[in-house]
């Protein structure tokens, strides 16, 4: 499902860590995708989706027009950013 061999430099401890994406289900059908630093266990939320985002992603995949696909992706990104902020900041 996810690309193998990804790594990142942890913003907290400065060490290079292997990125191993994990999914966690939350209330209201929200799915958080995240990884943790293998050195200090800092938790990085990469994105959060809900039923609406997943539906929009399916709809976007059916669009042929590049402008429509782009606009749909902007809409998806905006909602995912809001969901992520709500999850992290309550």
PDB file of N, CA and C in Angstrom:
ATOM      1  N   UNK A   1       0.820  -1.193   0.000  1.00  0.00           N
ATOM      2  CA  UNK A   1       0.000   0.000   0.000  1.00  0.00           C
ATOM      3  C   UNK A   1       0.860   1.252   0.000  1.00  0.00           C
ATOM      4  N   UNK A   2       1.885   1.287   0.814  1.00  0.00           N
ATOM      5  CA  UNK A   2       2.756   2.443   0.882  1.00  0.00           C
ATOM      6  C   UNK A   2       4.125   2.106   0.313  1.00  0.00           C
ATOM      7  N   UNK A   3       4.787   3.135  -0.171  1.00  0.00           N
ATOM      8  CA  UNK A   3       6.113   2.973  -0.755  1.00  0.00           C
ATOM      9  C   UNK A   3       7.110   2.535   0.320  1.00  0.00           C
ATOM     10  N   UNK A   4       7.950   1.577  -0.006  1.00  0.00           N
ATOM     11  CA  UNK A   4       8.945   1.085   0.941  1.00  0.00           C
ATOM     12  C   UNK A   4      10.222   1.911   0.845  1.00  0.00           C
ATOM     13  N   UNK A   5      10.981   1.945   1.927  1.00  0.00           N
ATOM     14  CA  UNK A   5      12.286   2.577   1.912  1.00  0.00           C
ATOM     15  C   UNK A   5      12.283   4.073   2.159  1.00  0.00           C
ATOM     16  N   UNK A   6      11.187   4.634   2.672  1.00  0.00           N
ATOM     17  CA  UNK A   6      11.141   6.056   2.963  1.00  0.00           C
ATOM     18  C   UNK A   6      11.827   6.334   4.285  1.00  0.00           C
ATOM     19  N   UNK A   7      12.479   7.496   4.361  1.00  0.00           N
ATOM     20  CA  UNK A   7      13.066   7.920   5.624  1.00  0.00           C
ATOM     21  C   UNK A   7      12.861   9.417   5.774  1.00  0.00           C
ATOM     22  N   UNK A   8      12.984   9.893   7.005  1.00  0.00           N
ATOM     23  CA  UNK A   8      12.803  11.304   7.310  1.00  0.00           C
ATOM     24  C   UNK A   8      13.709  11.672   8.475  1.00  0.00           C
ATOM     25  N   UNK A   9      14.032  12.951   8.573  1.00  0.00           N
ATOM     26  CA  UNK A   9      14.780  13.449   9.717  1.00  0.00           C
ATOM     27  C   UNK A   9      13.757  13.962  10.723  1.00  0.00           C
ATOM     28  N   UNK A  10      13.815  13.439  11.925  1.00  0.00           N
ATOM     29  CA  UNK A  10      12.864  13.811  12.971  1.00  0.00           C
ATOM     30  C   UNK A  10      13.104  15.261  13.395  1.00  0.00           C
ATOM     31  N   UNK A  11      12.026  16.038  13.431  1.00  0.00           N
ATOM     32  CA  UNK A  11      12.114  17.435  13.853  1.00  0.00           C
ATOM     33  C   UNK A  11      12.363  17.564  15.352  1.00  0.00           C
ATOM     34  N   UNK A  12      12.074  16.526  16.105  1.00  0.00           N
ATOM     35  CA  UNK A  12      12.222  16.588  17.561  1.00  0.00           C
ATOM     36  C   UNK A  12      13.634  16.198  18.013  1.00  0.00           C
ATOM     37  N   UNK A  13      14.147  15.037  17.522  1.00  0.00           N
ATOM     38  CA  UNK A  13      15.454  14.559  17.999  1.00  0.00           C
ATOM     39  C   UNK A  13      16.575  14.716  16.973  1.00  0.00           C
ATOM     40  N   UNK A  14      16.220  14.997  15.715  1.00  0.00           N
ATOM     41  CA  UNK A  14      17.224  15.202  14.683  1.00  0.00           C
ATOM     42  C   UNK A  14      17.790  13.941  14.060  1.00  0.00           C
ATOM     43  N   UNK A  15      17.332  12.785  14.499  1.00  0.00           N
ATOM     44  CA  UNK A  15      17.811  11.509  13.956  1.00  0.00           C
ATOM     45  C   UNK A  15      17.033  11.146  12.683  1.00  0.00           C
ATOM     46  N   UNK A  16      17.677  10.375  11.823  1.00  0.00           N
ATOM     47  CA  UNK A  16      16.996   9.857  10.646  1.00  0.00           C
ATOM     48  C   UNK A  16      16.213   8.620  11.042  1.00  0.00           C
ATOM     49  N   UNK A  17      14.954   8.591  10.651  1.00  0.00           N
ATOM     50  CA  UNK A  17      14.088   7.479  11.016  1.00  0.00           C
ATOM     51  C   UNK A  17      13.456   6.877   9.770  1.00  0.00           C
ATOM     52  N   UNK A  18      13.206   5.601   9.817  1.00  0.00           N
ATOM     53  CA  UNK A  18      12.485   4.926   8.752  1.00  0.00           C
ATOM     54  C   UNK A  18      11.008   5.248   8.908  1.00  0.00           C
ATOM     55  N   UNK A  19      10.372   5.623   7.811  1.00  0.00           N
ATOM     56  CA  UNK A  19       8.950   5.958   7.840  1.00  0.00           C
ATOM     57  C   UNK A  19       8.153   4.685   7.585  1.00  0.00           C
ATOM     58  N   UNK A  20       7.404   4.290   8.598  1.00  0.00           N
ATOM     59  CA  UNK A  20       6.521   3.122   8.497  1.00  0.00           C
ATOM     60  C   UNK A  20       5.108   3.615   8.778  1.00  0.00           C
ATOM     61  N   UNK A  21       4.361   3.882   7.702  1.00  0.00           N
ATOM     62  CA  UNK A  21       3.014   4.416   7.857  1.00  0.00           C
ATOM     63  C   UNK A  21       2.110   3.410   8.558  1.00  0.00           C
ATOM     64  N   UNK A  22       1.262   3.951   9.422  1.00  0.00           N
ATOM     65  CA  UNK A  22       0.254   3.165  10.118  1.00  0.00           C
ATOM     66  C   UNK A  22      -1.067   3.911  10.022  1.00  0.00           C
ATOM     67  N   UNK A  23      -2.159   3.197  10.071  1.00  0.00           N
ATOM     68  CA  UNK A  23      -3.490   3.798  10.074  1.00  0.00           C
ATOM     69  C   UNK A  23      -4.141   3.538  11.417  1.00  0.00           C
ATOM     70  N   UNK A  24      -4.861   4.546  11.902  1.00  0.00           N
ATOM     71  CA  UNK A  24      -5.609   4.416  13.154  1.00  0.00           C
ATOM     72  C   UNK A  24      -7.012   4.955  12.921  1.00  0.00           C
ATOM     73  N   UNK A  25      -8.002   4.147  13.282  1.00  0.00           N
ATOM     74  CA  UNK A  25      -9.390   4.573  13.154  1.00  0.00           C
ATOM     75  C   UNK A  25      -9.781   5.417  14.361  1.00  0.00           C
ATOM     76  N   UNK A  26     -10.498   6.496  14.082  1.00  0.00           N
ATOM     77  CA  UNK A  26     -11.000   7.385  15.133  1.00  0.00           C
ATOM     78  C   UNK A  26     -12.522   7.450  15.020  1.00  0.00           C
ATOM     79  N   UNK A  27     -13.127   8.203  15.910  1.00  0.00           N
ATOM     80  CA  UNK A  27     -14.578   8.345  15.882  1.00  0.00           C
ATOM     81  C   UNK A  27     -15.052   9.002  14.580  1.00  0.00           C
ATOM     82  N   UNK A  28     -16.309   8.838  14.299  1.00  0.00           N
ATOM     83  CA  UNK A  28     -16.974   9.428  13.125  1.00  0.00           C
ATOM     84  C   UNK A  28     -16.336   8.995  11.805  1.00  0.00           C
ATOM     85  N   UNK A  29     -15.752   7.798  11.773  1.00  0.00           N
ATOM     86  CA  UNK A  29     -15.211   7.274  10.529  1.00  0.00           C
ATOM     87  C   UNK A  29     -13.931   7.932  10.047  1.00  0.00           C
ATOM     88  N   UNK A  30     -13.238   8.619  10.925  1.00  0.00           N
ATOM     89  CA  UNK A  30     -11.987   9.271  10.548  1.00  0.00           C
ATOM     90  C   UNK A  30     -10.839   8.264  10.615  1.00  0.00           C
ATOM     91  N   UNK A  31      -9.950   8.333   9.636  1.00  0.00           N
ATOM     92  CA  UNK A  31      -8.756   7.494   9.611  1.00  0.00           C
ATOM     93  C   UNK A  31      -7.527   8.395   9.595  1.00  0.00           C
ATOM     94  N   UNK A  32      -6.672   8.202  10.582  1.00  0.00           N
ATOM     95  CA  UNK A  32      -5.419   8.942  10.684  1.00  0.00           C
ATOM     96  C   UNK A  32      -4.298   8.067  10.131  1.00  0.00           C
ATOM     97  N   UNK A  33      -3.493   8.636   9.250  1.00  0.00           N
ATOM     98  CA  UNK A  33      -2.291   7.965   8.782  1.00  0.00           C
ATOM     99  C   UNK A  33      -1.110   8.681   9.425  1.00  0.00           C
ATOM    100  N   UNK A  34      -0.207   7.899  10.022  1.00  0.00           N
ATOM    101  CA  UNK A  34       0.883   8.493  10.781  1.00  0.00           C
ATOM    102  C   UNK A  34       2.101   7.587  10.766  1.00  0.00           C
ATOM    103  N   UNK A  35       3.225   8.123  11.275  1.00  0.00           N
ATOM    104  CA  UNK A  35       4.402   7.315  11.586  1.00  0.00           C
ATOM    105  C   UNK A  35       5.025   7.881  12.840  1.00  0.00           C
ATOM    106  N   UNK A  36       5.861   7.079  13.490  1.00  0.00           N
ATOM    107  CA  UNK A  36       6.547   7.534  14.694  1.00  0.00           C
ATOM    108  C   UNK A  36       8.050   7.410  14.503  1.00  0.00           C
ATOM    109  N   UNK A  37       8.769   8.321  15.118  1.00  0.00           N
ATOM    110  CA  UNK A  37      10.225   8.264  15.070  1.00  0.00           C
ATOM    111  C   UNK A  37      10.693   7.027  15.835  1.00  0.00           C
ATOM    112  N   UNK A  38      11.561   6.245  15.212  1.00  0.00           N
ATOM    113  CA  UNK A  38      12.033   5.023  15.862  1.00  0.00           C
ATOM    114  C   UNK A  38      13.033   5.310  16.983  1.00  0.00           C
ATOM    115  N   UNK A  39      13.462   6.569  17.106  1.00  0.00           N
ATOM    116  CA  UNK A  39      14.430   6.929  18.149  1.00  0.00           C
ATOM    117  C   UNK A  39      13.766   7.553  19.375  1.00  0.00           C
ATOM    118  N   UNK A  40      12.849   8.505  19.134  1.00  0.00           N
ATOM    119  CA  UNK A  40      12.240   9.205  20.272  1.00  0.00           C
ATOM    120  C   UNK A  40      10.730   9.010  20.360  1.00  0.00           C
ATOM    121  N   UNK A  41      10.167   8.242  19.425  1.00  0.00           N
ATOM    122  CA  UNK A  41       8.731   7.938  19.388  1.00  0.00           C
ATOM    123  C   UNK A  41       7.834   9.151  19.139  1.00  0.00           C
ATOM    124  N   UNK A  42       8.399  10.223  18.565  1.00  0.00           N
ATOM    125  CA  UNK A  42       7.576  11.384  18.220  1.00  0.00           C
ATOM    126  C   UNK A  42       6.561  10.958  17.159  1.00  0.00           C
ATOM    127  N   UNK A  43       5.325  11.376  17.319  1.00  0.00           N
ATOM    128  CA  UNK A  43       4.193  10.969  16.479  1.00  0.00           C
ATOM    129  C   UNK A  43       3.958  12.015  15.389  1.00  0.00           C
ATOM    130  N   UNK A  44       4.064  11.607  14.130  1.00  0.00           N
ATOM    131  CA  UNK A  44       3.810  12.482  12.988  1.00  0.00           C
ATOM    132  C   UNK A  44       2.518  12.066  12.300  1.00  0.00           C
ATOM    133  N   UNK A  45       1.499  12.901  12.351  1.00  0.00           N
ATOM    134  CA  UNK A  45       0.272  12.657  11.599  1.00  0.00           C
ATOM    135  C   UNK A  45       0.491  13.192  10.195  1.00  0.00           C
ATOM    136  N   UNK A  46       0.404  12.321   9.199  1.00  0.00           N
ATOM    137  CA  UNK A  46       0.622  12.766   7.828  1.00  0.00           C
ATOM    138  C   UNK A  46      -0.669  13.268   7.198  1.00  0.00           C
ATOM    139  N   UNK A  47      -1.772  12.564   7.432  1.00  0.00           N
ATOM    140  CA  UNK A  47      -3.060  13.032   6.947  1.00  0.00           C
ATOM    141  C   UNK A  47      -4.200  12.303   7.638  1.00  0.00           C
ATOM    142  N   UNK A  48      -5.382  12.929   7.537  1.00  0.00           N
ATOM    143  CA  UNK A  48      -6.594  12.371   8.125  1.00  0.00           C
ATOM    144  C   UNK A  48      -7.676  12.421   7.056  1.00  0.00           C
ATOM    145  N   UNK A  49      -8.394  11.319   6.908  1.00  0.00           N
ATOM    146  CA  UNK A  49      -9.511  11.272   5.970  1.00  0.00           C
ATOM    147  C   UNK A  49     -10.785  10.897   6.711  1.00  0.00           C
ATOM    148  N   UNK A  50     -11.895  11.208   6.076  1.00  0.00           N
ATOM    149  CA  UNK A  50     -13.188  10.753   6.566  1.00  0.00           C
ATOM    150  C   UNK A  50     -13.973  10.236   5.370  1.00  0.00           C
ATOM    151  N   UNK A  51     -15.205   9.834   5.602  1.00  0.00           N
ATOM    152  CA  UNK A  51     -16.012   9.252   4.536  1.00  0.00           C
ATOM    153  C   UNK A  51     -16.153  10.221   3.355  1.00  0.00           C
ATOM    154  N   UNK A  52     -16.349  11.498   3.646  1.00  0.00           N
ATOM    155  CA  UNK A  52     -16.517  12.492   2.580  1.00  0.00           C
ATOM    156  C   UNK A  52     -15.247  12.612   1.734  1.00  0.00           C
ATOM    157  N   UNK A  53     -14.092  12.670   2.369  1.00  0.00           N
ATOM    158  CA  UNK A  53     -12.822  12.771   1.632  1.00  0.00           C
ATOM    159  C   UNK A  53     -12.630  11.548   0.749  1.00  0.00           C
ATOM    160  N   UNK A  54     -12.902  10.371   1.299  1.00  0.00           N
ATOM    161  CA  UNK A  54     -12.714   9.150   0.513  1.00  0.00           C
ATOM    162  C   UNK A  54     -13.666   9.104  -0.690  1.00  0.00           C
ATOM    163  N   UNK A  55     -14.890   9.610  -0.507  1.00  0.00           N
ATOM    164  CA  UNK A  55     -15.841   9.693  -1.615  1.00  0.00           C
ATOM    165  C   UNK A  55     -15.336  10.674  -2.670  1.00  0.00           C
ATOM    166  N   UNK A  56     -14.876  11.839  -2.241  1.00  0.00           N
ATOM    167  CA  UNK A  56     -14.341  12.833  -3.174  1.00  0.00           C
ATOM    168  C   UNK A  56     -13.133  12.275  -3.937  1.00  0.00           C
ATOM    169  N   UNK A  57     -12.298  11.503  -3.250  1.00  0.00           N
ATOM    170  CA  UNK A  57     -11.137  10.918  -3.929  1.00  0.00           C
ATOM    171  C   UNK A  57     -11.589   9.966  -5.039  1.00  0.00           C
ATOM    172  N   UNK A  58     -12.621   9.187  -4.766  1.00  0.00           N
ATOM    173  CA  UNK A  58     -13.158   8.289  -5.793  1.00  0.00           C
ATOM    174  C   UNK A  58     -13.742   9.083  -6.961  1.00  0.00           C
ATOM    175  N   UNK A  59     -14.474  10.153  -6.641  1.00  0.00           N
ATOM    176  CA  UNK A  59     -15.052  10.998  -7.681  1.00  0.00           C
ATOM    177  C   UNK A  59     -13.953  11.655  -8.523  1.00  0.00           C
ATOM    178  N   UNK A  60     -12.910  12.104  -7.880  1.00  0.00           N
ATOM    179  CA  UNK A  60     -11.792  12.740  -8.587  1.00  0.00           C
ATOM    180  C   UNK A  60     -11.153  11.775  -9.568  1.00  0.00           C
ATOM    181  N   UNK A  61     -11.023  10.535  -9.154  1.00  0.00           N
ATOM    182  CA  UNK A  61     -10.409   9.521 -10.022  1.00  0.00           C
ATOM    183  C   UNK A  61     -11.221   9.278 -11.291  1.00  0.00           C
ATOM    184  N   UNK A  62     -12.501   9.610 -11.253  1.00  0.00           N
ATOM    185  CA  UNK A  62     -13.367   9.405 -12.424  1.00  0.00           C
ATOM    186  C   UNK A  62     -13.345  10.599 -13.384  1.00  0.00           C
ATOM    187  N   UNK A  63     -12.835  11.732 -12.918  1.00  0.00           N
ATOM    188  CA  UNK A  63     -12.813  12.939 -13.749  1.00  0.00           C
ATOM    189  C   UNK A  63     -11.722  12.847 -14.809  1.00  0.00           C
ATOM    190  N   UNK A  64     -12.044  13.315 -15.995  1.00  0.00           N
ATOM    191  CA  UNK A  64     -11.074  13.302 -17.093  1.00  0.00           C
ATOM    192  C   UNK A  64     -10.438  14.676 -17.300  1.00  0.00           C
ATOM    193  N   UNK A  65     -11.170  15.724 -16.972  1.00  0.00           N
ATOM    194  CA  UNK A  65     -10.683  17.079 -17.177  1.00  0.00           C
ATOM    195  C   UNK A  65      -9.651  17.441 -16.102  1.00  0.00           C
ATOM    196  N   UNK A  66      -8.476  17.874 -16.534  1.00  0.00           N
ATOM    197  CA  UNK A  66      -7.374  18.178 -15.611  1.00  0.00           C
ATOM    198  C   UNK A  66      -7.730  19.302 -14.648  1.00  0.00           C
ATOM    199  N   UNK A  67      -8.436  20.323 -15.127  1.00  0.00           N
ATOM    200  CA  UNK A  67      -8.826  21.431 -14.247  1.00  0.00           C
ATOM    201  C   UNK A  67      -9.813  20.966 -13.173  1.00  0.00           C
ATOM    202  N   UNK A  68     -10.756  20.119 -13.570  1.00  0.00           N
ATOM    203  CA  UNK A  68     -11.709  19.593 -12.599  1.00  0.00           C
ATOM    204  C   UNK A  68     -11.008  18.721 -11.562  1.00  0.00           C
ATOM    205  N   UNK A  69     -10.065  17.898 -12.019  1.00  0.00           N
ATOM    206  CA  UNK A  69      -9.305  17.051 -11.088  1.00  0.00           C
ATOM    207  C   UNK A  69      -8.514  17.917 -10.114  1.00  0.00           C
ATOM    208  N   UNK A  70      -7.895  18.961 -10.643  1.00  0.00           N
ATOM    209  CA  UNK A  70      -7.099  19.873  -9.808  1.00  0.00           C
ATOM    210  C   UNK A  70      -7.989  20.548  -8.757  1.00  0.00           C
ATOM    211  N   UNK A  71      -9.145  21.060  -9.185  1.00  0.00           N
ATOM    212  CA  UNK A  71     -10.054  21.728  -8.253  1.00  0.00           C
ATOM    213  C   UNK A  71     -10.570  20.770  -7.191  1.00  0.00           C
ATOM    214  N   UNK A  72     -10.864  19.543  -7.593  1.00  0.00           N
ATOM    215  CA  UNK A  72     -11.323  18.547  -6.628  1.00  0.00           C
ATOM    216  C   UNK A  72     -10.208  18.231  -5.629  1.00  0.00           C
ATOM    217  N   UNK A  73      -8.963  18.140  -6.094  1.00  0.00           N
ATOM    218  CA  UNK A  73      -7.847  17.864  -5.194  1.00  0.00           C
ATOM    219  C   UNK A  73      -7.659  19.005  -4.196  1.00  0.00           C
ATOM    220  N   UNK A  74      -7.834  20.243  -4.636  1.00  0.00           N
ATOM    221  CA  UNK A  74      -7.748  21.383  -3.714  1.00  0.00           C
ATOM    222  C   UNK A  74      -8.812  21.285  -2.632  1.00  0.00           C
ATOM    223  N   UNK A  75     -10.022  20.883  -3.023  1.00  0.00           N
ATOM    224  CA  UNK A  75     -11.117  20.708  -2.079  1.00  0.00           C
ATOM    225  C   UNK A  75     -10.781  19.603  -1.074  1.00  0.00           C
ATOM    226  N   UNK A  76     -10.244  18.500  -1.573  1.00  0.00           N
ATOM    227  CA  UNK A  76      -9.848  17.374  -0.722  1.00  0.00           C
ATOM    228  C   UNK A  76      -8.764  17.812   0.255  1.00  0.00           C
ATOM    229  N   UNK A  77      -7.744  18.499  -0.261  1.00  0.00           N
ATOM    230  CA  UNK A  77      -6.638  18.941   0.592  1.00  0.00           C
ATOM    231  C   UNK A  77      -7.120  19.862   1.710  1.00  0.00           C
ATOM    232  N   UNK A  78      -8.026  20.767   1.377  1.00  0.00           N
ATOM    233  CA  UNK A  78      -8.550  21.711   2.374  1.00  0.00           C
ATOM    234  C   UNK A  78      -9.278  20.960   3.491  1.00  0.00           C
ATOM    235  N   UNK A  79     -10.121  20.003   3.122  1.00  0.00           N
ATOM    236  CA  UNK A  79     -10.849  19.244   4.149  1.00  0.00           C
ATOM    237  C   UNK A  79      -9.895  18.381   4.982  1.00  0.00           C
ATOM    238  N   UNK A  80      -8.931  17.732   4.313  1.00  0.00           N
ATOM    239  CA  UNK A  80      -7.983  16.891   5.056  1.00  0.00           C
ATOM    240  C   UNK A  80      -7.161  17.733   6.034  1.00  0.00           C
ATOM    241  N   UNK A  81      -6.800  18.937   5.643  1.00  0.00           N
ATOM    242  CA  UNK A  81      -6.040  19.811   6.536  1.00  0.00           C
ATOM    243  C   UNK A  81      -6.885  20.195   7.749  1.00  0.00           C
ATOM    244  N   UNK A  82      -8.170  20.460   7.525  1.00  0.00           N
ATOM    245  CA  UNK A  82      -9.068  20.791   8.636  1.00  0.00           C
ATOM    246  C   UNK A  82      -9.243  19.598   9.574  1.00  0.00           C
ATOM    247  N   UNK A  83      -9.421  18.407   8.997  1.00  0.00           N
ATOM    248  CA  UNK A  83      -9.555  17.197   9.820  1.00  0.00           C
ATOM    249  C   UNK A  83      -8.297  16.949  10.644  1.00  0.00           C
ATOM    250  N   UNK A  84      -7.148  17.139  10.029  1.00  0.00           N
ATOM    251  CA  UNK A  84      -5.876  16.948  10.733  1.00  0.00           C
ATOM    252  C   UNK A  84      -5.747  17.946  11.880  1.00  0.00           C
ATOM    253  N   UNK A  85      -6.077  19.200  11.623  1.00  0.00           N
ATOM    254  CA  UNK A  85      -5.999  20.227  12.660  1.00  0.00           C
ATOM    255  C   UNK A  85      -6.947  19.912  13.817  1.00  0.00           C
ATOM    256  N   UNK A  86      -8.168  19.473  13.492  1.00  0.00           N
ATOM    257  CA  UNK A  86      -9.123  19.109  14.538  1.00  0.00           C
ATOM    258  C   UNK A  86      -8.626  17.949  15.377  1.00  0.00           C
ATOM    259  N   UNK A  87      -8.005  16.965  14.727  1.00  0.00           N
ATOM    260  CA  UNK A  87      -7.507  15.795  15.452  1.00  0.00           C
ATOM    261  C   UNK A  87      -6.344  16.169  16.365  1.00  0.00           C
ATOM    262  N   UNK A  88      -5.421  16.964  15.845  1.00  0.00           N
ATOM    263  CA  UNK A  88      -4.218  17.310  16.600  1.00  0.00           C
ATOM    264  C   UNK A  88      -4.515  18.340  17.694  1.00  0.00           C
ATOM    265  N   UNK A  89      -5.312  19.343  17.363  1.00  0.00           N
ATOM    266  CA  UNK A  89      -5.537  20.453  18.297  1.00  0.00           C
ATOM    267  C   UNK A  89      -6.854  20.371  19.046  1.00  0.00           C
ATOM    268  N   UNK A  90      -7.627  19.344  18.761  1.00  0.00           N
ATOM    269  CA  UNK A  90      -8.877  19.145  19.471  1.00  0.00           C
ATOM    270  C   UNK A  90      -9.931  20.065  18.992  1.00  0.00           C
TER     271      UNK A  90
END
